[in-house]
């Protein structure tokens, strides 16, 4: 099962995660390249937008 699907699947799962675990999930998801972003990661694209 994909990480994002597992986390967003039920509210009870999110409620059981600590802030550190949620931050790790966010970092994992934002570090994955996306085809829609030309295989850049969301973090890379955000960095480009903020640097412009």
N, C-alpha and C. Protein backbone atom coordinates (compact mmCIF):
# COMPACT_ATOMS: atom_id res chain seq x y z
N UNK A 1 0.84 -1.18 0.00
CA UNK A 1 0.00 0.00 0.00
C UNK A 1 0.89 1.24 0.00
N UNK A 2 0.49 2.23 -0.77
CA UNK A 2 1.25 3.46 -0.83
C UNK A 2 1.17 4.23 0.48
N UNK A 3 2.24 4.91 0.81
CA UNK A 3 2.33 5.64 2.07
C UNK A 3 1.24 6.69 2.20
N UNK A 4 1.04 7.50 1.19
CA UNK A 4 0.02 8.54 1.24
C UNK A 4 -1.37 7.98 1.41
N UNK A 5 -1.65 6.88 0.74
CA UNK A 5 -2.95 6.23 0.86
C UNK A 5 -3.13 5.69 2.27
N UNK A 6 -2.10 5.07 2.81
CA UNK A 6 -2.19 4.50 4.16
C UNK A 6 -2.47 5.58 5.18
N UNK A 7 -1.79 6.71 5.07
CA UNK A 7 -1.96 7.79 6.05
C UNK A 7 -3.31 8.46 5.88
N UNK A 8 -3.74 8.69 4.65
CA UNK A 8 -4.98 9.42 4.43
C UNK A 8 -6.21 8.52 4.44
N UNK A 9 -6.00 7.21 4.54
CA UNK A 9 -7.10 6.26 4.45
C UNK A 9 -8.13 6.44 5.56
N UNK A 10 -7.69 6.61 6.77
CA UNK A 10 -8.64 6.79 7.87
C UNK A 10 -8.12 7.84 8.84
N UNK A 11 -9.04 8.59 9.42
CA UNK A 11 -8.67 9.62 10.38
C UNK A 11 -8.03 9.01 11.62
N UNK A 12 -8.49 7.83 12.01
CA UNK A 12 -7.96 7.21 13.23
C UNK A 12 -6.47 6.90 13.09
N UNK A 13 -6.01 6.58 11.90
CA UNK A 13 -4.58 6.34 11.70
C UNK A 13 -3.79 7.62 11.90
N UNK A 14 -4.29 8.72 11.35
CA UNK A 14 -3.59 10.00 11.50
C UNK A 14 -3.57 10.43 12.96
N UNK A 15 -4.63 10.17 13.68
CA UNK A 15 -4.71 10.57 15.08
C UNK A 15 -3.70 9.84 15.95
N UNK A 16 -3.25 8.68 15.52
CA UNK A 16 -2.32 7.88 16.31
C UNK A 16 -0.85 8.21 16.02
N UNK A 17 -0.61 9.02 15.00
CA UNK A 17 0.76 9.38 14.63
C UNK A 17 1.23 10.57 15.45
N UNK A 18 2.50 10.55 15.82
CA UNK A 18 3.08 11.69 16.53
C UNK A 18 3.43 12.77 15.51
N UNK A 19 3.73 13.96 16.00
CA UNK A 19 4.12 15.05 15.12
C UNK A 19 5.39 14.69 14.34
N UNK A 20 6.31 14.01 14.99
CA UNK A 20 7.55 13.60 14.33
C UNK A 20 7.26 12.59 13.21
N UNK A 21 6.33 11.68 13.46
CA UNK A 21 5.97 10.70 12.42
C UNK A 21 5.28 11.39 11.25
N UNK A 22 4.41 12.35 11.53
CA UNK A 22 3.75 13.10 10.46
C UNK A 22 4.77 13.89 9.64
N UNK A 23 5.76 14.48 10.31
CA UNK A 23 6.81 15.22 9.60
C UNK A 23 7.61 14.28 8.71
N UNK A 24 7.86 13.07 9.17
CA UNK A 24 8.59 12.09 8.36
C UNK A 24 7.78 11.68 7.14
N UNK A 25 6.49 11.51 7.31
CA UNK A 25 5.61 11.17 6.18
C UNK A 25 5.62 12.32 5.17
N UNK A 26 5.49 13.55 5.65
CA UNK A 26 5.50 14.71 4.76
C UNK A 26 6.81 14.80 4.00
N UNK A 27 7.92 14.57 4.68
CA UNK A 27 9.24 14.63 4.02
C UNK A 27 9.34 13.53 2.96
N UNK A 28 8.85 12.36 3.28
CA UNK A 28 8.88 11.24 2.31
C UNK A 28 8.05 11.57 1.08
N UNK A 29 6.85 12.07 1.29
CA UNK A 29 5.97 12.38 0.15
C UNK A 29 6.50 13.56 -0.67
N UNK A 30 7.04 14.58 -0.01
CA UNK A 30 7.55 15.75 -0.72
C UNK A 30 8.89 15.49 -1.38
N UNK A 31 9.54 14.39 -1.04
CA UNK A 31 10.82 14.03 -1.65
C UNK A 31 10.69 13.11 -2.84
N UNK A 32 9.48 12.74 -3.19
CA UNK A 32 9.26 11.84 -4.33
C UNK A 32 9.07 12.64 -5.61
N UNK A 33 9.81 12.30 -6.66
CA UNK A 33 9.63 12.99 -7.94
C UNK A 33 8.22 12.76 -8.49
N UNK A 34 7.68 13.78 -9.16
CA UNK A 34 6.34 13.69 -9.74
C UNK A 34 6.42 13.90 -11.24
N UNK A 35 5.74 13.05 -11.98
CA UNK A 35 5.70 13.18 -13.43
C UNK A 35 5.11 14.54 -13.83
N UNK A 36 4.07 14.98 -13.11
CA UNK A 36 3.42 16.25 -13.42
C UNK A 36 4.32 17.45 -13.18
N UNK A 37 5.39 17.27 -12.44
CA UNK A 37 6.34 18.36 -12.18
C UNK A 37 7.62 18.18 -13.00
N UNK A 38 7.54 17.40 -14.07
CA UNK A 38 8.73 17.17 -14.89
C UNK A 38 9.78 16.38 -14.14
N UNK A 39 9.33 15.47 -13.31
CA UNK A 39 10.16 14.58 -12.49
C UNK A 39 10.97 15.32 -11.43
N UNK A 40 10.53 16.53 -11.10
CA UNK A 40 11.08 17.22 -9.94
C UNK A 40 10.27 16.81 -8.72
N UNK A 41 10.84 16.99 -7.57
CA UNK A 41 10.09 16.74 -6.34
C UNK A 41 9.30 18.00 -6.00
N UNK A 42 8.23 17.89 -5.23
CA UNK A 42 7.52 19.09 -4.79
C UNK A 42 8.44 20.06 -4.05
N UNK A 43 9.37 19.53 -3.28
CA UNK A 43 10.30 20.40 -2.55
C UNK A 43 11.19 21.17 -3.52
N UNK A 44 11.66 20.52 -4.56
CA UNK A 44 12.50 21.21 -5.56
C UNK A 44 11.71 22.30 -6.28
N UNK A 45 10.48 22.00 -6.65
CA UNK A 45 9.65 22.97 -7.35
C UNK A 45 9.34 24.17 -6.46
N UNK A 46 9.04 23.91 -5.21
CA UNK A 46 8.77 25.00 -4.27
C UNK A 46 10.00 25.86 -4.09
N UNK A 47 11.16 25.24 -3.99
CA UNK A 47 12.41 25.99 -3.85
C UNK A 47 12.63 26.91 -5.05
N UNK A 48 12.38 26.39 -6.26
CA UNK A 48 12.51 27.21 -7.47
C UNK A 48 11.54 28.40 -7.47
N UNK A 49 10.31 28.12 -7.06
CA UNK A 49 9.31 29.19 -7.05
C UNK A 49 9.66 30.28 -6.04
N UNK A 50 10.14 29.86 -4.88
CA UNK A 50 10.48 30.84 -3.85
C UNK A 50 11.77 31.61 -4.17
N UNK A 51 12.66 31.00 -4.94
CA UNK A 51 13.92 31.65 -5.29
C UNK A 51 13.76 32.65 -6.43
N UNK A 52 12.67 32.51 -7.18
CA UNK A 52 12.46 33.38 -8.36
C UNK A 52 12.06 34.78 -7.97
